[in-house]
Amino acid sequence: MADDRIDKLREEIDAINEQLLSLIADRQDVSVAIGALKAERGLPLYSEDREARLLEKFRSDAARMDLDPDYVEDLMRVVLQYSRAAQRRKARDDS
């Protein structure tokens, strides 16, 4: 019986994982579109101020949601890093 409960919870985790991956893919698509617009307008892809504001918001949202702010910041730094890489790839491909 305990195994049934574990299996059910693992199914929930699997569904959440699918949602997370879908959201990450959607986020990357939007990020690449922003990068393309920035390139068209001659703007730099990276904004240190924007990233600092995002990270601070991630930390405060994490605390509000009873998550470890360091964990969330680390996770989102990786997401931001890969978003910038996708923007650079798109800019190179369009050149």
PDB file of N, CA and C in Angstrom:
ATOM      1  N   MET A   1       0.798  -1.188   0.000  1.00  0.00           N
ATOM      2  CA  MET A   1       0.000   0.000   0.000  1.00  0.00           C
ATOM      3  C   MET A   1       0.851   1.268   0.000  1.00  0.00           C
ATOM      4  N   ALA A   2       1.932   1.259   0.775  1.00  0.00           N
ATOM      5  CA  ALA A   2       2.832   2.408   0.793  1.00  0.00           C
ATOM      6  C   ALA A   2       3.454   2.622  -0.575  1.00  0.00           C
ATOM      7  N   ASP A   3       3.724   1.518  -1.286  1.00  0.00           N
ATOM      8  CA  ASP A   3       4.293   1.635  -2.626  1.00  0.00           C
ATOM      9  C   ASP A   3       3.320   2.312  -3.576  1.00  0.00           C
ATOM     10  N   ASP A   4       2.015   2.060  -3.417  1.00  0.00           N
ATOM     11  CA  ASP A   4       1.017   2.711  -4.253  1.00  0.00           C
ATOM     12  C   ASP A   4       1.061   4.224  -4.063  1.00  0.00           C
ATOM     13  N   ARG A   5       1.194   4.651  -2.834  1.00  0.00           N
ATOM     14  CA  ARG A   5       1.258   6.089  -2.534  1.00  0.00           C
ATOM     15  C   ARG A   5       2.529   6.698  -3.122  1.00  0.00           C
ATOM     16  N   ILE A   6       3.645   5.994  -2.993  1.00  0.00           N
ATOM     17  CA  ILE A   6       4.903   6.470  -3.579  1.00  0.00           C
ATOM     18  C   ILE A   6       4.767   6.567  -5.093  1.00  0.00           C
ATOM     19  N   ASP A   7       4.191   5.532  -5.713  1.00  0.00           N
ATOM     20  CA  ASP A   7       4.001   5.548  -7.164  1.00  0.00           C
ATOM     21  C   ASP A   7       3.127   6.723  -7.589  1.00  0.00           C
ATOM     22  N   LYS A   8       2.081   6.984  -6.856  1.00  0.00           N
ATOM     23  CA  LYS A   8       1.175   8.095  -7.172  1.00  0.00           C
ATOM     24  C   LYS A   8       1.911   9.430  -7.058  1.00  0.00           C
ATOM     25  N   LEU A   9       2.682   9.585  -6.011  1.00  0.00           N
ATOM     26  CA  LEU A   9       3.456  10.817  -5.835  1.00  0.00           C
ATOM     27  C   LEU A   9       4.516  10.965  -6.923  1.00  0.00           C
ATOM     28  N   ARG A  10       5.109   9.871  -7.326  1.00  0.00           N
ATOM     29  CA  ARG A  10       6.096   9.933  -8.421  1.00  0.00           C
ATOM     30  C   ARG A  10       5.434  10.323  -9.732  1.00  0.00           C
ATOM     31  N   GLU A  11       4.219   9.878  -9.943  1.00  0.00           N
ATOM     32  CA  GLU A  11       3.474  10.296 -11.136  1.00  0.00           C
ATOM     33  C   GLU A  11       3.235  11.807 -11.114  1.00  0.00           C
ATOM     34  N   GLU A  12       2.932  12.329  -9.927  1.00  0.00           N
ATOM     35  CA  GLU A  12       2.754  13.777  -9.790  1.00  0.00           C
ATOM     36  C   GLU A  12       4.053  14.508 -10.113  1.00  0.00           C
ATOM     37  N   ILE A  13       5.160  13.984  -9.585  1.00  0.00           N
ATOM     38  CA  ILE A  13       6.470  14.584  -9.877  1.00  0.00           C
ATOM     39  C   ILE A  13       6.748  14.557 -11.376  1.00  0.00           C
ATOM     40  N   ASP A  14       6.469  13.438 -12.036  1.00  0.00           N
ATOM     41  CA  ASP A  14       6.693  13.323 -13.480  1.00  0.00           C
ATOM     42  C   ASP A  14       5.875  14.360 -14.241  1.00  0.00           C
ATOM     43  N   ALA A  15       4.631  14.570 -13.836  1.00  0.00           N
ATOM     44  CA  ALA A  15       3.782  15.564 -14.500  1.00  0.00           C
ATOM     45  C   ALA A  15       4.327  16.976 -14.273  1.00  0.00           C
ATOM     46  N   ILE A  16       4.776  17.242 -13.068  1.00  0.00           N
ATOM     47  CA  ILE A  16       5.359  18.549 -12.773  1.00  0.00           C
ATOM     48  C   ILE A  16       6.634  18.755 -13.586  1.00  0.00           C
ATOM     49  N   ASN A  17       7.449  17.713 -13.705  1.00  0.00           N
ATOM     50  CA  ASN A  17       8.667  17.804 -14.516  1.00  0.00           C
ATOM     51  C   ASN A  17       8.340  18.166 -15.960  1.00  0.00           C
ATOM     52  N   GLU A  18       7.303  17.555 -16.506  1.00  0.00           N
ATOM     53  CA  GLU A  18       6.877  17.878 -17.878  1.00  0.00           C
ATOM     54  C   GLU A  18       6.479  19.345 -17.983  1.00  0.00           C
ATOM     55  N   GLN A  19       5.742  19.826 -16.998  1.00  0.00           N
ATOM     56  CA  GLN A  19       5.335  21.235 -16.997  1.00  0.00           C
ATOM     57  C   GLN A  19       6.547  22.153 -16.909  1.00  0.00           C
ATOM     58  N   LEU A  20       7.487  21.812 -16.032  1.00  0.00           N
ATOM     59  CA  LEU A  20       8.701  22.620 -15.895  1.00  0.00           C
ATOM     60  C   LEU A  20       9.463  22.705 -17.216  1.00  0.00           C
ATOM     61  N   LEU A  21       9.645  21.560 -17.864  1.00  0.00           N
ATOM     62  CA  LEU A  21      10.378  21.553 -19.133  1.00  0.00           C
ATOM     63  C   LEU A  21       9.649  22.353 -20.197  1.00  0.00           C
ATOM     64  N   SER A  22       8.339  22.229 -20.232  1.00  0.00           N
ATOM     65  CA  SER A  22       7.548  22.995 -21.195  1.00  0.00           C
ATOM     66  C   SER A  22       7.683  24.495 -20.934  1.00  0.00           C
ATOM     67  N   LEU A  23       7.626  24.886 -19.675  1.00  0.00           N
ATOM     68  CA  LEU A  23       7.779  26.296 -19.326  1.00  0.00           C
ATOM     69  C   LEU A  23       9.182  26.806 -19.655  1.00  0.00           C
ATOM     70  N   ILE A  24      10.200  25.984 -19.413  1.00  0.00           N
ATOM     71  CA  ILE A  24      11.569  26.383 -19.752  1.00  0.00           C
ATOM     72  C   ILE A  24      11.704  26.564 -21.264  1.00  0.00           C
ATOM     73  N   ALA A  25      11.117  25.662 -22.032  1.00  0.00           N
ATOM     74  CA  ALA A  25      11.152  25.794 -23.499  1.00  0.00           C
ATOM     75  C   ALA A  25      10.432  27.063 -23.942  1.00  0.00           C
ATOM     76  N   ASP A  26       9.266  27.335 -23.361  1.00  0.00           N
ATOM     77  CA  ASP A  26       8.528  28.558 -23.698  1.00  0.00           C
ATOM     78  C   ASP A  26       9.346  29.793 -23.337  1.00  0.00           C
ATOM     79  N   ARG A  27       9.967  29.760 -22.168  1.00  0.00           N
ATOM     80  CA  ARG A  27      10.770  30.895 -21.739  1.00  0.00           C
ATOM     81  C   ARG A  27      11.931  31.140 -22.688  1.00  0.00           C
ATOM     82  N   GLN A  28      12.570  30.055 -23.103  1.00  0.00           N
ATOM     83  CA  GLN A  28      13.691  30.200 -24.026  1.00  0.00           C
ATOM     84  C   GLN A  28      13.233  30.779 -25.363  1.00  0.00           C
ATOM     85  N   ASP A  29      12.087  30.337 -25.860  1.00  0.00           N
ATOM     86  CA  ASP A  29      11.560  30.882 -27.118  1.00  0.00           C
ATOM     87  C   ASP A  29      11.344  32.392 -27.009  1.00  0.00           C
ATOM     88  N   VAL A  30      10.756  32.831 -25.912  1.00  0.00           N
ATOM     89  CA  VAL A  30      10.516  34.262 -25.714  1.00  0.00           C
ATOM     90  C   VAL A  30      11.844  34.999 -25.575  1.00  0.00           C
ATOM     91  N   SER A  31      12.780  34.416 -24.856  1.00  0.00           N
ATOM     92  CA  SER A  31      14.089  35.028 -24.683  1.00  0.00           C
ATOM     93  C   SER A  31      14.804  35.197 -26.025  1.00  0.00           C
ATOM     94  N   VAL A  32      14.719  34.189 -26.867  1.00  0.00           N
ATOM     95  CA  VAL A  32      15.340  34.276 -28.194  1.00  0.00           C
ATOM     96  C   VAL A  32      14.669  35.367 -29.026  1.00  0.00           C
ATOM     97  N   ALA A  33      13.356  35.488 -28.915  1.00  0.00           N
ATOM     98  CA  ALA A  33      12.648  36.553 -29.640  1.00  0.00           C
ATOM     99  C   ALA A  33      13.097  37.932 -29.149  1.00  0.00           C
ATOM    100  N   ILE A  34      13.265  38.072 -27.841  1.00  0.00           N
ATOM    101  CA  ILE A  34      13.766  39.337 -27.292  1.00  0.00           C
ATOM    102  C   ILE A  34      15.172  39.605 -27.812  1.00  0.00           C
ATOM    103  N   GLY A  35      16.013  38.584 -27.834  1.00  0.00           N
ATOM    104  CA  GLY A  35      17.376  38.739 -28.345  1.00  0.00           C
ATOM    105  C   GLY A  35      17.390  39.184 -29.798  1.00  0.00           C
ATOM    106  N   ALA A  36      16.477  38.637 -30.597  1.00  0.00           N
ATOM    107  CA  ALA A  36      16.396  39.034 -32.013  1.00  0.00           C
ATOM    108  C   ALA A  36      16.005  40.504 -32.139  1.00  0.00           C
ATOM    109  N   LEU A  37      15.057  40.936 -31.339  1.00  0.00           N
ATOM    110  CA  LEU A  37      14.651  42.351 -31.371  1.00  0.00           C
ATOM    111  C   LEU A  37      15.787  43.256 -30.916  1.00  0.00           C
ATOM    112  N   LYS A  38      16.509  42.835 -29.891  1.00  0.00           N
ATOM    113  CA  LYS A  38      17.647  43.619 -29.426  1.00  0.00           C
ATOM    114  C   LYS A  38      18.703  43.721 -30.525  1.00  0.00           C
ATOM    115  N   ALA A  39      18.964  42.610 -31.207  1.00  0.00           N
ATOM    116  CA  ALA A  39      19.959  42.615 -32.285  1.00  0.00           C
ATOM    117  C   ALA A  39      19.531  43.563 -33.400  1.00  0.00           C
ATOM    118  N   GLU A  40      18.255  43.519 -33.769  1.00  0.00           N
ATOM    119  CA  GLU A  40      17.736  44.419 -34.813  1.00  0.00           C
ATOM    120  C   GLU A  40      17.938  45.879 -34.439  1.00  0.00           C
ATOM    121  N   ARG A  41      17.823  46.167 -33.165  1.00  0.00           N
ATOM    122  CA  ARG A  41      17.900  47.550 -32.682  1.00  0.00           C
ATOM    123  C   ARG A  41      19.302  47.938 -32.225  1.00  0.00           C
ATOM    124  N   GLY A  42      20.245  47.032 -32.367  1.00  0.00           N
ATOM    125  CA  GLY A  42      21.618  47.315 -31.985  1.00  0.00           C
ATOM    126  C   GLY A  42      21.827  47.409 -30.478  1.00  0.00           C
ATOM    127  N   LEU A  43      20.963  46.755 -29.721  1.00  0.00           N
ATOM    128  CA  LEU A  43      21.074  46.767 -28.268  1.00  0.00           C
ATOM    129  C   LEU A  43      21.890  45.566 -27.795  1.00  0.00           C
ATOM    130  N   PRO A  44      22.579  45.706 -26.676  1.00  0.00           N
ATOM    131  CA  PRO A  44      23.325  44.560 -26.150  1.00  0.00           C
ATOM    132  C   PRO A  44      22.359  43.472 -25.663  1.00  0.00           C
ATOM    133  N   LEU A  45      22.762  42.215 -25.822  1.00  0.00           N
ATOM    134  CA  LEU A  45      21.929  41.108 -25.376  1.00  0.00           C
ATOM    135  C   LEU A  45      21.854  41.037 -23.860  1.00  0.00           C
ATOM    136  N   TYR A  46      22.946  41.367 -23.206  1.00  0.00           N
ATOM    137  CA  TYR A  46      23.022  41.221 -21.752  1.00  0.00           C
ATOM    138  C   TYR A  46      22.794  42.552 -21.060  1.00  0.00           C
ATOM    139  N   SER A  47      21.917  42.525 -20.078  1.00  0.00           N
ATOM    140  CA  SER A  47      21.672  43.699 -19.244  1.00  0.00           C
ATOM    141  C   SER A  47      21.940  43.309 -17.794  1.00  0.00           C
ATOM    142  N   GLU A  48      23.045  43.797 -17.274  1.00  0.00           N
ATOM    143  CA  GLU A  48      23.422  43.480 -15.902  1.00  0.00           C
ATOM    144  C   GLU A  48      22.349  43.952 -14.918  1.00  0.00           C
ATOM    145  N   ASP A  49      21.798  45.143 -15.153  1.00  0.00           N
ATOM    146  CA  ASP A  49      20.760  45.671 -14.259  1.00  0.00           C
ATOM    147  C   ASP A  49      19.515  44.800 -14.283  1.00  0.00           C
ATOM    148  N   ARG A  50      19.092  44.395 -15.468  1.00  0.00           N
ATOM    149  CA  ARG A  50      17.894  43.552 -15.585  1.00  0.00           C
ATOM    150  C   ARG A  50      18.112  42.225 -14.857  1.00  0.00           C
ATOM    151  N   GLU A  51      19.268  41.621 -15.066  1.00  0.00           N
ATOM    152  CA  GLU A  51      19.537  40.342 -14.413  1.00  0.00           C
ATOM    153  C   GLU A  51      19.569  40.494 -12.889  1.00  0.00           C
ATOM    154  N   ALA A  52      20.168  41.565 -12.399  1.00  0.00           N
ATOM    155  CA  ALA A  52      20.223  41.793 -10.955  1.00  0.00           C
ATOM    156  C   ALA A  52      18.808  41.939 -10.384  1.00  0.00           C
ATOM    157  N   ARG A  53      17.944  42.676 -11.102  1.00  0.00           N
ATOM    158  CA  ARG A  53      16.556  42.832 -10.643  1.00  0.00           C
ATOM    159  C   ARG A  53      15.823  41.495 -10.660  1.00  0.00           C
ATOM    160  N   LEU A  54      16.030  40.700 -11.709  1.00  0.00           N
ATOM    161  CA  LEU A  54      15.392  39.388 -11.795  1.00  0.00           C
ATOM    162  C   LEU A  54      15.831  38.490 -10.641  1.00  0.00           C
ATOM    163  N   LEU A  55      17.127  38.449 -10.397  1.00  0.00           N
ATOM    164  CA  LEU A  55      17.638  37.583  -9.336  1.00  0.00           C
ATOM    165  C   LEU A  55      17.109  38.007  -7.968  1.00  0.00           C
ATOM    166  N   GLU A  56      17.016  39.295  -7.746  1.00  0.00           N
ATOM    167  CA  GLU A  56      16.469  39.766  -6.471  1.00  0.00           C
ATOM    168  C   GLU A  56      14.999  39.367  -6.345  1.00  0.00           C
ATOM    169  N   LYS A  57      14.252  39.477  -7.434  1.00  0.00           N
ATOM    170  CA  LYS A  57      12.839  39.067  -7.407  1.00  0.00           C
ATOM    171  C   LYS A  57      12.718  37.559  -7.197  1.00  0.00           C
ATOM    172  N   PHE A  58      13.564  36.791  -7.863  1.00  0.00           N
ATOM    173  CA  PHE A  58      13.547  35.333  -7.659  1.00  0.00           C
ATOM    174  C   PHE A  58      13.782  35.002  -6.186  1.00  0.00           C
ATOM    175  N   ARG A  59      14.732  35.693  -5.578  1.00  0.00           N
ATOM    176  CA  ARG A  59      15.054  35.429  -4.176  1.00  0.00           C
ATOM    177  C   ARG A  59      13.872  35.783  -3.266  1.00  0.00           C
ATOM    178  N   SER A  60      13.267  36.933  -3.499  1.00  0.00           N
ATOM    179  CA  SER A  60      12.151  37.320  -2.634  1.00  0.00           C
ATOM    180  C   SER A  60      10.941  36.421  -2.864  1.00  0.00           C
ATOM    181  N   ASP A  61      10.671  36.045  -4.122  1.00  0.00           N
ATOM    182  CA  ASP A  61       9.574  35.119  -4.405  1.00  0.00           C
ATOM    183  C   ASP A  61       9.841  33.757  -3.760  1.00  0.00           C
ATOM    184  N   ALA A  62      11.083  33.316  -3.821  1.00  0.00           N
ATOM    185  CA  ALA A  62      11.437  32.025  -3.217  1.00  0.00           C
ATOM    186  C   ALA A  62      11.164  32.051  -1.719  1.00  0.00           C
ATOM    187  N   ALA A  63      11.595  33.105  -1.055  1.00  0.00           N
ATOM    188  CA  ALA A  63      11.373  33.204   0.388  1.00  0.00           C
ATOM    189  C   ALA A  63       9.879  33.210   0.694  1.00  0.00           C
ATOM    190  N   ARG A  64       9.114  33.936  -0.106  1.00  0.00           N
ATOM    191  CA  ARG A  64       7.669  34.000   0.097  1.00  0.00           C
ATOM    192  C   ARG A  64       7.022  32.630  -0.072  1.00  0.00           C
ATOM    193  N   MET A  65       7.593  31.803  -0.953  1.00  0.00           N
ATOM    194  CA  MET A  65       7.055  30.471  -1.231  1.00  0.00           C
ATOM    195  C   MET A  65       7.697  29.392  -0.366  1.00  0.00           C
ATOM    196  N   ASP A  66       8.444  29.811   0.626  1.00  0.00           N
ATOM    197  CA  ASP A  66       9.120  28.903   1.555  1.00  0.00           C
ATOM    198  C   ASP A  66      10.125  27.993   0.845  1.00  0.00           C
ATOM    199  N   LEU A  67      10.820  28.572  -0.137  1.00  0.00           N
ATOM    200  CA  LEU A  67      11.909  27.885  -0.833  1.00  0.00           C
ATOM    201  C   LEU A  67      13.218  28.553  -0.436  1.00  0.00           C
ATOM    202  N   ASP A  68      14.291  27.820  -0.531  1.00  0.00           N
ATOM    203  CA  ASP A  68      15.609  28.358  -0.231  1.00  0.00           C
ATOM    204  C   ASP A  68      16.001  29.360  -1.322  1.00  0.00           C
ATOM    205  N   PRO A  69      16.160  30.639  -0.978  1.00  0.00           N
ATOM    206  CA  PRO A  69      16.519  31.645  -1.985  1.00  0.00           C
ATOM    207  C   PRO A  69      17.828  31.333  -2.711  1.00  0.00           C
ATOM    208  N   ASP A  70      18.811  30.738  -2.015  1.00  0.00           N
ATOM    209  CA  ASP A  70      20.076  30.388  -2.680  1.00  0.00           C
ATOM    210  C   ASP A  70      19.850  29.332  -3.756  1.00  0.00           C
ATOM    211  N   TYR A  71      19.019  28.346  -3.441  1.00  0.00           N
ATOM    212  CA  TYR A  71      18.702  27.291  -4.407  1.00  0.00           C
ATOM    213  C   TYR A  71      18.024  27.886  -5.639  1.00  0.00           C
ATOM    214  N   VAL A  72      17.038  28.726  -5.416  1.00  0.00           N
ATOM    215  CA  VAL A  72      16.296  29.318  -6.537  1.00  0.00           C
ATOM    216  C   VAL A  72      17.212  30.226  -7.358  1.00  0.00           C
ATOM    217  N   GLU A  73      18.051  31.002  -6.685  1.00  0.00           N
ATOM    218  CA  GLU A  73      18.979  31.859  -7.429  1.00  0.00           C
ATOM    219  C   GLU A  73      19.929  31.020  -8.279  1.00  0.00           C
ATOM    220  N   ASP A  74      20.488  29.976  -7.705  1.00  0.00           N
ATOM    221  CA  ASP A  74      21.385  29.102  -8.471  1.00  0.00           C
ATOM    222  C   ASP A  74      20.677  28.517  -9.686  1.00  0.00           C
ATOM    223  N   LEU A  75      19.477  28.023  -9.470  1.00  0.00           N
ATOM    224  CA  LEU A  75      18.694  27.439 -10.561  1.00  0.00           C
ATOM    225  C   LEU A  75      18.426  28.465 -11.655  1.00  0.00           C
ATOM    226  N   MET A  76      17.990  29.644 -11.262  1.00  0.00           N
ATOM    227  CA  MET A  76      17.636  30.649 -12.260  1.00  0.00           C
ATOM    228  C   MET A  76      18.866  31.249 -12.944  1.00  0.00           C
ATOM    229  N   ARG A  77      20.001  31.266 -12.275  1.00  0.00           N
ATOM    230  CA  ARG A  77      21.234  31.707 -12.948  1.00  0.00           C
ATOM    231  C   ARG A  77      21.546  30.777 -14.127  1.00  0.00           C
ATOM    232  N   VAL A  78      21.327  29.487 -13.933  1.00  0.00           N
ATOM    233  CA  VAL A  78      21.544  28.523 -15.019  1.00  0.00           C
ATOM    234  C   VAL A  78      20.554  28.782 -16.157  1.00  0.00           C
ATOM    235  N   VAL A  79      19.304  29.009 -15.821  1.00  0.00           N
ATOM    236  CA  VAL A  79      18.289  29.301 -16.843  1.00  0.00           C
ATOM    237  C   VAL A  79      18.685  30.557 -17.620  1.00  0.00           C
ATOM    238  N   LEU A  80      19.094  31.597 -16.920  1.00  0.00           N
ATOM    239  CA  LEU A  80      19.498  32.837 -17.577  1.00  0.00           C
ATOM    240  C   LEU A  80      20.736  32.627 -18.454  1.00  0.00           C
ATOM    241  N   GLN A  81      21.677  31.863 -17.964  1.00  0.00           N
ATOM    242  CA  GLN A  81      22.896  31.581 -18.734  1.00  0.00           C
ATOM    243  C   GLN A  81      22.548  30.892 -20.053  1.00  0.00           C
ATOM    244  N   TYR A  82      21.689  29.905 -20.003  1.00  0.00           N
ATOM    245  CA  TYR A  82      21.325  29.185 -21.218  1.00  0.00           C
ATOM    246  C   TYR A  82      20.438  30.020 -22.130  1.00  0.00           C
ATOM    247  N   SER A  83      19.662  30.921 -21.568  1.00  0.00           N
ATOM    248  CA  SER A  83      18.869  31.831 -22.396  1.00  0.00           C
ATOM    249  C   SER A  83      19.785  32.748 -23.202  1.00  0.00           C
ATOM    250  N   ARG A  84      20.821  33.280 -22.535  1.00  0.00           N
ATOM    251  CA  ARG A  84      21.772  34.137 -23.260  1.00  0.00           C
ATOM    252  C   ARG A  84      22.493  33.349 -24.349  1.00  0.00           C
ATOM    253  N   ALA A  85      22.853  32.109 -24.044  1.00  0.00           N
ATOM    254  CA  ALA A  85      23.526  31.272 -25.050  1.00  0.00           C
ATOM    255  C   ALA A  85      22.611  31.035 -26.249  1.00  0.00           C
ATOM    256  N   ALA A  86      21.332  30.795 -26.005  1.00  0.00           N
ATOM    257  CA  ALA A  86      20.377  30.591 -27.107  1.00  0.00           C
ATOM    258  C   ALA A  86      20.229  31.871 -27.923  1.00  0.00           C
ATOM    259  N   GLN A  87      20.235  33.014 -27.254  1.00  0.00           N
ATOM    260  CA  GLN A  87      20.166  34.289 -27.970  1.00  0.00           C
ATOM    261  C   GLN A  87      21.388  34.472 -28.868  1.00  0.00           C
ATOM    262  N   ARG A  88      22.569  34.155 -28.334  1.00  0.00           N
ATOM    263  CA  ARG A  88      23.805  34.293 -29.124  1.00  0.00           C
ATOM    264  C   ARG A  88      23.806  33.351 -30.327  1.00  0.00           C
ATOM    265  N   ARG A  89      23.339  32.111 -30.121  1.00  0.00           N
ATOM    266  CA  ARG A  89      23.265  31.155 -31.233  1.00  0.00           C
ATOM    267  C   ARG A  89      22.347  31.684 -32.328  1.00  0.00           C
ATOM    268  N   LYS A  90      21.207  32.189 -31.933  1.00  0.00           N
ATOM    269  CA  LYS A  90      20.242  32.721 -32.900  1.00  0.00           C
ATOM    270  C   LYS A  90      20.848  33.902 -33.649  1.00  0.00           C
ATOM    271  N   ALA A  91      21.536  34.787 -32.938  1.00  0.00           N
ATOM    272  CA  ALA A  91      22.175  35.947 -33.581  1.00  0.00           C
ATOM    273  C   ALA A  91      23.234  35.487 -34.574  1.00  0.00           C
ATOM    274  N   ARG A  92      24.021  34.458 -34.200  1.00  0.00           N
ATOM    275  CA  ARG A  92      25.049  33.924 -35.106  1.00  0.00           C
ATOM    276  C   ARG A  92      24.401  33.291 -36.335  1.00  0.00           C
ATOM    277  N   ASP A  93      23.338  32.541 -36.116  1.00  0.00           N
ATOM    278  CA  ASP A  93      22.653  31.866 -37.230  1.00  0.00           C
ATOM    279  C   ASP A  93      22.039  32.858 -38.195  1.00  0.00           C
ATOM    280  N   ASP A  94      21.609  33.986 -37.684  1.00  0.00           N
ATOM    281  CA  ASP A  94      20.960  35.009 -38.531  1.00  0.00           C
ATOM    282  C   ASP A  94      21.970  35.857 -39.277  1.00  0.00           C
ATOM    283  N   SER A  95      23.252  35.774 -38.873  1.00  0.00           N
ATOM    284  CA  SER A  95      24.285  36.600 -39.503  1.00  0.00           C
ATOM    285  C   SER A  95      24.720  36.042 -40.828  1.00  0.00           C
TER     286      SER A  95
END
